[in-house]
PDB file of N, CA and C in Angstrom:
ATOM      1  N   MET A   1      -7.739  25.552 -70.216  1.00  0.00           N
ATOM      2  CA  MET A   1      -8.103  24.218 -69.774  1.00  0.00           C
ATOM      3  C   MET A   1      -9.394  23.799 -70.453  1.00  0.00           C
ATOM      4  N   VAL A   2      -9.449  22.584 -70.931  1.00  0.00           N
ATOM      5  CA  VAL A   2     -10.618  22.087 -71.650  1.00  0.00           C
ATOM      6  C   VAL A   2     -11.591  21.462 -70.657  1.00  0.00           C
ATOM      7  N   ASN A   3     -12.837  21.805 -70.766  1.00  0.00           N
ATOM      8  CA  ASN A   3     -13.875  21.225 -69.929  1.00  0.00           C
ATOM      9  C   ASN A   3     -14.256  19.870 -70.500  1.00  0.00           C
ATOM     10  N   SER A   4     -13.867  18.792 -69.828  1.00  0.00           N
ATOM     11  CA  SER A   4     -14.105  17.452 -70.353  1.00  0.00           C
ATOM     12  C   SER A   4     -15.583  17.120 -70.431  1.00  0.00           C
ATOM     13  N   LEU A   5     -16.423  17.782 -69.649  1.00  0.00           N
ATOM     14  CA  LEU A   5     -17.854  17.519 -69.709  1.00  0.00           C
ATOM     15  C   LEU A   5     -18.448  17.957 -71.040  1.00  0.00           C
ATOM     16  N   ALA A   6     -17.840  18.945 -71.671  1.00  0.00           N
ATOM     17  CA  ALA A   6     -18.345  19.440 -72.951  1.00  0.00           C
ATOM     18  C   ALA A   6     -18.161  18.415 -74.053  1.00  0.00           C
ATOM     19  N   PHE A   7     -17.233  17.486 -73.870  1.00  0.00           N
ATOM     20  CA  PHE A   7     -16.946  16.500 -74.904  1.00  0.00           C
ATOM     21  C   PHE A   7     -17.647  15.177 -74.674  1.00  0.00           C
ATOM     22  N   GLY A   8     -18.303  15.009 -73.549  1.00  0.00           N
ATOM     23  CA  GLY A   8     -18.988  13.761 -73.265  1.00  0.00           C
ATOM     24  C   GLY A   8     -18.015  12.605 -73.166  1.00  0.00           C
ATOM     25  N   ASN A   9     -18.476  11.442 -73.500  1.00  0.00           N
ATOM     26  CA  ASN A   9     -17.654  10.235 -73.433  1.00  0.00           C
ATOM     27  C   ASN A   9     -16.814  10.130 -74.696  1.00  0.00           C
ATOM     28  N   LEU A  10     -15.489  10.169 -74.549  1.00  0.00           N
ATOM     29  CA  LEU A  10     -14.599  10.134 -75.702  1.00  0.00           C
ATOM     30  C   LEU A  10     -14.214   8.723 -76.117  1.00  0.00           C
ATOM     31  N   GLN A  11     -14.709   7.703 -75.415  1.00  0.00           N
ATOM     32  CA  GLN A  11     -14.412   6.336 -75.817  1.00  0.00           C
ATOM     33  C   GLN A  11     -15.032   6.080 -77.177  1.00  0.00           C
ATOM     34  N   GLY A  12     -14.295   5.377 -78.022  1.00  0.00           N
ATOM     35  CA  GLY A  12     -14.804   5.096 -79.356  1.00  0.00           C
ATOM     36  C   GLY A  12     -14.650   6.275 -80.298  1.00  0.00           C
ATOM     37  N   ASN A  13     -13.857   7.260 -79.912  1.00  0.00           N
ATOM     38  CA  ASN A  13     -13.628   8.434 -80.753  1.00  0.00           C
ATOM     39  C   ASN A  13     -13.032   7.989 -82.071  1.00  0.00           C
ATOM     40  N   ASP A  14     -13.679   8.318 -83.169  1.00  0.00           N
ATOM     41  CA  ASP A  14     -13.206   7.875 -84.484  1.00  0.00           C
ATOM     42  C   ASP A  14     -12.331   8.897 -85.186  1.00  0.00           C
ATOM     43  N   GLY A  15     -12.045  10.006 -84.535  1.00  0.00           N
ATOM     44  CA  GLY A  15     -11.161  11.000 -85.115  1.00  0.00           C
ATOM     45  C   GLY A  15     -11.836  11.935 -86.095  1.00  0.00           C
ATOM     46  N   GLU A  16     -13.125  11.844 -86.243  1.00  0.00           N
ATOM     47  CA  GLU A  16     -13.827  12.731 -87.170  1.00  0.00           C
ATOM     48  C   GLU A  16     -14.222  14.018 -86.466  1.00  0.00           C
ATOM     49  N   LEU A  17     -14.201  15.098 -87.234  1.00  0.00           N
ATOM     50  CA  LEU A  17     -14.559  16.407 -86.714  1.00  0.00           C
ATOM     51  C   LEU A  17     -15.239  17.181 -87.829  1.00  0.00           C
ATOM     52  N   LEU A  18     -16.408  17.691 -87.570  1.00  0.00           N
ATOM     53  CA  LEU A  18     -17.114  18.502 -88.554  1.00  0.00           C
ATOM     54  C   LEU A  18     -16.997  19.957 -88.134  1.00  0.00           C
ATOM     55  N   VAL A  19     -16.422  20.773 -89.011  1.00  0.00           N
ATOM     56  CA  VAL A  19     -16.254  22.194 -88.723  1.00  0.00           C
ATOM     57  C   VAL A  19     -16.794  22.983 -89.906  1.00  0.00           C
ATOM     58  N   ARG A  20     -17.654  23.922 -89.623  1.00  0.00           N
ATOM     59  CA  ARG A  20     -18.192  24.771 -90.686  1.00  0.00           C
ATOM     60  C   ARG A  20     -17.322  26.021 -90.768  1.00  0.00           C
ATOM     61  N   ILE A  21     -16.825  26.313 -91.973  1.00  0.00           N
ATOM     62  CA  ILE A  21     -15.961  27.467 -92.173  1.00  0.00           C
ATOM     63  C   ILE A  21     -16.468  28.256 -93.377  1.00  0.00           C
ATOM     64  N   PRO A  22     -16.128  29.528 -93.463  1.00  0.00           N
ATOM     65  CA  PRO A  22     -16.541  30.326 -94.609  1.00  0.00           C
ATOM     66  C   PRO A  22     -15.958  29.768 -95.912  1.00  0.00           C
ATOM     67  N   LYS A  23     -16.702  29.943 -96.994  1.00  0.00           N
ATOM     68  CA  LYS A  23     -16.255  29.451 -98.302  1.00  0.00           C
ATOM     69  C   LYS A  23     -14.915  30.048 -98.700  1.00  0.00           C
ATOM     70  N   SER A  24     -14.692  31.303 -98.350  1.00  0.00           N
ATOM     71  CA  SER A  24     -13.431  31.954 -98.717  1.00  0.00           C
ATOM     72  C   SER A  24     -12.246  31.274 -98.030  1.00  0.00           C
ATOM     73  N   LEU A  25     -12.400  30.901 -96.770  1.00  0.00           N
ATOM     74  CA  LEU A  25     -11.340  30.205 -96.051  1.00  0.00           C
ATOM     75  C   LEU A  25     -11.139  28.812 -96.637  1.00  0.00           C
ATOM     76  N   HIS A  26     -12.217  28.143 -96.946  1.00  0.00           N
ATOM     77  CA  HIS A  26     -12.154  26.808 -97.553  1.00  0.00           C
ATOM     78  C   HIS A  26     -11.357  26.861 -98.856  1.00  0.00           C
ATOM     79  N   CYS A  27     -11.629  27.839 -99.673  1.00  0.00           N
ATOM     80  CA  CYS A  27     -10.918  27.983-100.952  1.00  0.00           C
ATOM     81  C   CYS A  27      -9.434  28.252-100.730  1.00  0.00           C
ATOM     82  N   ARG A  28      -9.107  29.100 -99.769  1.00  0.00           N
ATOM     83  CA  ARG A  28      -7.688  29.383 -99.487  1.00  0.00           C
ATOM     84  C   ARG A  28      -6.968  28.141 -98.997  1.00  0.00           C
ATOM     85  N   LEU A  29      -7.625  27.357 -98.154  1.00  0.00           N
ATOM     86  CA  LEU A  29      -7.010  26.132 -97.657  1.00  0.00           C
ATOM     87  C   LEU A  29      -6.796  25.117 -98.778  1.00  0.00           C
ATOM     88  N   ILE A  30      -7.750  25.015 -99.684  1.00  0.00           N
ATOM     89  CA  ILE A  30      -7.605  24.117-100.841  1.00  0.00           C
ATOM     90  C   ILE A  30      -6.405  24.542-101.673  1.00  0.00           C
ATOM     91  N   GLU A  31      -6.289  25.828-101.941  1.00  0.00           N
ATOM     92  CA  GLU A  31      -5.171  26.334-102.741  1.00  0.00           C
ATOM     93  C   GLU A  31      -3.831  26.024-102.086  1.00  0.00           C
ATOM     94  N   LYS A  32      -3.747  26.247-100.782  1.00  0.00           N
ATOM     95  CA  LYS A  32      -2.484  25.994-100.073  1.00  0.00           C
ATOM     96  C   LYS A  32      -2.169  24.506-100.028  1.00  0.00           C
ATOM     97  N   ALA A  33      -3.190  23.665 -99.871  1.00  0.00           N
ATOM     98  CA  ALA A  33      -2.974  22.216 -99.874  1.00  0.00           C
ATOM     99  C   ALA A  33      -2.461  21.765-101.241  1.00  0.00           C
ATOM    100  N   GLU A  34      -2.993  22.339-102.299  1.00  0.00           N
ATOM    101  CA  GLU A  34      -2.545  21.988-103.649  1.00  0.00           C
ATOM    102  C   GLU A  34      -1.088  22.383-103.865  1.00  0.00           C
ATOM    103  N   VAL A  35      -0.687  23.548-103.366  1.00  0.00           N
ATOM    104  CA  VAL A  35       0.702  23.994-103.479  1.00  0.00           C
ATOM    105  C   VAL A  35       1.625  23.007-102.765  1.00  0.00           C
ATOM    106  N   GLU A  36       1.170  22.479-101.630  1.00  0.00           N
ATOM    107  CA  GLU A  36       1.965  21.528-100.841  1.00  0.00           C
ATOM    108  C   GLU A  36       1.835  20.093-101.363  1.00  0.00           C
ATOM    109  N   CYS A  37       0.993  19.899-102.370  1.00  0.00           N
ATOM    110  CA  CYS A  37       0.753  18.563-102.960  1.00  0.00           C
ATOM    111  C   CYS A  37       0.248  17.554-101.935  1.00  0.00           C
ATOM    112  N   VAL A  38      -0.674  17.998-101.082  1.00  0.00           N
ATOM    113  CA  VAL A  38      -1.298  17.114-100.104  1.00  0.00           C
ATOM    114  C   VAL A  38      -2.809  17.326-100.162  1.00  0.00           C
ATOM    115  N   SER A  39      -3.535  16.399 -99.556  1.00  0.00           N
ATOM    116  CA  SER A  39      -4.990  16.547 -99.505  1.00  0.00           C
ATOM    117  C   SER A  39      -5.356  17.689 -98.551  1.00  0.00           C
ATOM    118  N   LEU A  40      -6.552  18.174 -98.706  1.00  0.00           N
ATOM    119  CA  LEU A  40      -7.036  19.223 -97.810  1.00  0.00           C
ATOM    120  C   LEU A  40      -7.015  18.715 -96.368  1.00  0.00           C
ATOM    121  N   ASN A  41      -7.430  17.477 -96.166  1.00  0.00           N
ATOM    122  CA  ASN A  41      -7.429  16.894 -94.828  1.00  0.00           C
ATOM    123  C   ASN A  41      -6.015  16.869 -94.240  1.00  0.00           C
ATOM    124  N   GLN A  42      -5.051  16.396 -95.019  1.00  0.00           N
ATOM    125  CA  GLN A  42      -3.667  16.341 -94.536  1.00  0.00           C
ATOM    126  C   GLN A  42      -3.157  17.728 -94.186  1.00  0.00           C
ATOM    127  N   TYR A  43      -3.498  18.708 -94.999  1.00  0.00           N
ATOM    128  CA  TYR A  43      -3.024  20.071 -94.755  1.00  0.00           C
ATOM    129  C   TYR A  43      -3.622  20.633 -93.462  1.00  0.00           C
ATOM    130  N   ILE A  44      -4.905  20.414 -93.249  1.00  0.00           N
ATOM    131  CA  ILE A  44      -5.554  20.922 -92.040  1.00  0.00           C
ATOM    132  C   ILE A  44      -5.006  20.220 -90.800  1.00  0.00           C
ATOM    133  N   VAL A  45      -4.789  18.899 -90.882  1.00  0.00           N
ATOM    134  CA  VAL A  45      -4.205  18.168 -89.754  1.00  0.00           C
ATOM    135  C   VAL A  45      -2.817  18.714 -89.445  1.00  0.00           C
ATOM    136  N   TYR A  46      -2.040  18.999 -90.487  1.00  0.00           N
ATOM    137  CA  TYR A  46      -0.712  19.587 -90.303  1.00  0.00           C
ATOM    138  C   TYR A  46      -0.813  20.928 -89.572  1.00  0.00           C
ATOM    139  N   LEU A  47      -1.707  21.802 -90.027  1.00  0.00           N
ATOM    140  CA  LEU A  47      -1.861  23.121 -89.401  1.00  0.00           C
ATOM    141  C   LEU A  47      -2.303  23.005 -87.956  1.00  0.00           C
ATOM    142  N   LEU A  48      -3.252  22.121 -87.676  1.00  0.00           N
ATOM    143  CA  LEU A  48      -3.728  21.949 -86.318  1.00  0.00           C
ATOM    144  C   LEU A  48      -2.633  21.387 -85.414  1.00  0.00           C
ATOM    145  N   GLY A  49      -1.884  20.437 -85.916  1.00  0.00           N
ATOM    146  CA  GLY A  49      -0.788  19.867 -85.145  1.00  0.00           C
ATOM    147  C   GLY A  49       0.294  20.874 -84.836  1.00  0.00           C
ATOM    148  N   LYS A  50       0.556  21.747 -85.795  1.00  0.00           N
ATOM    149  CA  LYS A  50       1.568  22.788 -85.624  1.00  0.00           C
ATOM    150  C   LYS A  50       1.131  23.806 -84.565  1.00  0.00           C
ATOM    151  N   SER A  51      -0.162  24.001 -84.438  1.00  0.00           N
ATOM    152  CA  SER A  51      -0.695  25.001 -83.515  1.00  0.00           C
ATOM    153  C   SER A  51      -0.924  24.464 -82.110  1.00  0.00           C
ATOM    154  N   ALA A  52      -1.002  23.158 -81.972  1.00  0.00           N
ATOM    155  CA  ALA A  52      -1.359  22.558 -80.675  1.00  0.00           C
ATOM    156  C   ALA A  52      -0.194  22.548 -79.709  1.00  0.00           C
TER     157      ALA A  52
END
């Protein structure tokens, strides 16, 4: 269960998310996105959607 207090007021949510990840993971994600012929953003959104 997600604690809604941790997210504050979600009104006006612009859909942006900043996540810091290791360079090695970033490189692997770029490579996989290129294989799929999509942007890194599209690939990550796909992975997150598949996991949710």
